Amino acid sequence: MNEDLKLIKKLYGERMMHFCRTQFSTLLEEKGLLSKILTNTFEPNRFLYEDLNTYDKLRDFIEYI
């Protein structure tokens, strides 16, 4: 597993890790880029994906990243 994905899973949960792998595969090609963007923008929260999904903000999140 990609090191970024491991860190994302640890800080933001497994569902966010799967979501990021699906949506941001290009960003994952550059080591450390996606995890840096996430950690600089969002406090660690293992329910970030669930919160975004609950408030119907997944599309906004993708556009933001």
C-alpha atoms as a PDB file:
ATOM      1  CA  MET A   1       0.000   0.000   0.000  1.00  0.00           C
ATOM      2  CA  ASN A   2       1.151   3.526  -0.824  1.00  0.00           C
ATOM      3  CA  GLU A   3       2.677   5.394   2.156  1.00  0.00           C
ATOM      4  CA  ASP A   4       0.271   8.301   1.641  1.00  0.00           C
ATOM      5  CA  LEU A   5      -2.674   5.939   1.829  1.00  0.00           C
ATOM      6  CA  LYS A   6      -1.342   4.395   5.033  1.00  0.00           C
ATOM      7  CA  LEU A   7      -1.080   7.829   6.637  1.00  0.00           C
ATOM      8  CA  ILE A   8      -4.517   8.865   5.377  1.00  0.00           C
ATOM      9  CA  LYS A   9      -6.005   5.658   6.781  1.00  0.00           C
ATOM     10  CA  LYS A  10      -4.332   6.260  10.139  1.00  0.00           C
ATOM     11  CA  LEU A  11      -5.427   9.904  10.410  1.00  0.00           C
ATOM     12  CA  TYR A  12      -8.727   9.977   8.521  1.00  0.00           C
ATOM     13  CA  GLY A  13     -10.027   6.409   8.529  1.00  0.00           C
ATOM     14  CA  GLU A  14     -10.349   3.547   6.100  1.00  0.00           C
ATOM     15  CA  ARG A  15     -13.307   4.947   4.154  1.00  0.00           C
ATOM     16  CA  MET A  16     -11.428   8.192   3.451  1.00  0.00           C
ATOM     17  CA  MET A  17      -8.405   6.157   2.358  1.00  0.00           C
ATOM     18  CA  HIS A  18     -10.536   4.211  -0.143  1.00  0.00           C
ATOM     19  CA  PHE A  19     -12.214   7.410  -1.317  1.00  0.00           C
ATOM     20  CA  CYS A  20      -8.853   9.124  -1.869  1.00  0.00           C
ATOM     21  CA  ARG A  21      -7.461   6.124  -3.724  1.00  0.00           C
ATOM     22  CA  THR A  22     -10.435   6.239  -6.085  1.00  0.00           C
ATOM     23  CA  GLN A  23     -10.692  10.004  -6.560  1.00  0.00           C
ATOM     24  CA  PHE A  24      -7.096  11.224  -6.365  1.00  0.00           C
ATOM     25  CA  SER A  25      -4.977   8.512  -7.981  1.00  0.00           C
ATOM     26  CA  THR A  26      -2.979  11.134  -9.908  1.00  0.00           C
ATOM     27  CA  LEU A  27      -2.072  13.015  -6.717  1.00  0.00           C
ATOM     28  CA  LEU A  28      -0.999   9.744  -5.108  1.00  0.00           C
ATOM     29  CA  GLU A  29       1.634   9.271  -7.814  1.00  0.00           C
ATOM     30  CA  GLU A  30       3.713  12.038  -6.218  1.00  0.00           C
ATOM     31  CA  LYS A  31       4.944  10.792  -2.863  1.00  0.00           C
ATOM     32  CA  GLY A  32       3.613  12.776   0.081  1.00  0.00           C
ATOM     33  CA  LEU A  33       1.511  15.237  -1.916  1.00  0.00           C
ATOM     34  CA  LEU A  34      -2.019  14.154  -1.016  1.00  0.00           C
ATOM     35  CA  SER A  35      -1.267  13.480   2.633  1.00  0.00           C
ATOM     36  CA  LYS A  36       0.405  16.910   2.875  1.00  0.00           C
ATOM     37  CA  ILE A  37      -2.631  18.627   1.348  1.00  0.00           C
ATOM     38  CA  LEU A  38      -4.978  16.842   3.747  1.00  0.00           C
ATOM     39  CA  THR A  39      -2.918  17.361   6.907  1.00  0.00           C
ATOM     40  CA  ASN A  40      -2.301  21.039   6.106  1.00  0.00           C
ATOM     41  CA  THR A  41      -6.014  21.622   5.559  1.00  0.00           C
ATOM     42  CA  PHE A  42      -7.906  19.252   7.875  1.00  0.00           C
ATOM     43  CA  GLU A  43      -7.338  18.216  11.461  1.00  0.00           C
ATOM     44  CA  PRO A  44      -7.091  14.439  11.839  1.00  0.00           C
ATOM     45  CA  ASN A  45     -10.616  13.084  12.091  1.00  0.00           C
ATOM     46  CA  ARG A  46     -11.346   9.424  11.483  1.00  0.00           C
ATOM     47  CA  PHE A  47     -14.909  10.363  10.497  1.00  0.00           C
ATOM     48  CA  LEU A  48     -14.089  13.013   7.882  1.00  0.00           C
ATOM     49  CA  TYR A  49     -15.488  10.898   5.043  1.00  0.00           C
ATOM     50  CA  GLU A  50     -18.687  10.182   6.955  1.00  0.00           C
ATOM     51  CA  ASP A  51     -19.116  13.870   7.814  1.00  0.00           C
ATOM     52  CA  LEU A  52     -18.617  14.926   4.196  1.00  0.00           C
ATOM     53  CA  ASN A  53     -21.031  12.253   3.028  1.00  0.00           C
ATOM     54  CA  THR A  54     -23.675  13.121   5.651  1.00  0.00           C
ATOM     55  CA  TYR A  55     -23.676  16.781   4.631  1.00  0.00           C
ATOM     56  CA  ASP A  56     -23.506  15.931   0.907  1.00  0.00           C
ATOM     57  CA  LYS A  57     -20.128  17.665   0.536  1.00  0.00           C
ATOM     58  CA  LEU A  58     -18.075  14.959  -1.209  1.00  0.00           C
ATOM     59  CA  ARG A  59     -18.231  16.782  -4.573  1.00  0.00           C
ATOM     60  CA  ASP A  60     -17.162  20.043  -2.897  1.00  0.00           C
ATOM     61  CA  PHE A  61     -14.287  18.195  -1.238  1.00  0.00           C
ATOM     62  CA  ILE A  62     -13.109  16.763  -4.567  1.00  0.00           C
ATOM     63  CA  GLU A  63     -13.228  20.197  -6.195  1.00  0.00           C
ATOM     64  CA  TYR A  64     -11.367  21.751  -3.263  1.00  0.00           C
ATOM     65  CA  ILE A  65      -8.534  19.226  -3.400  1.00  0.00           C
END
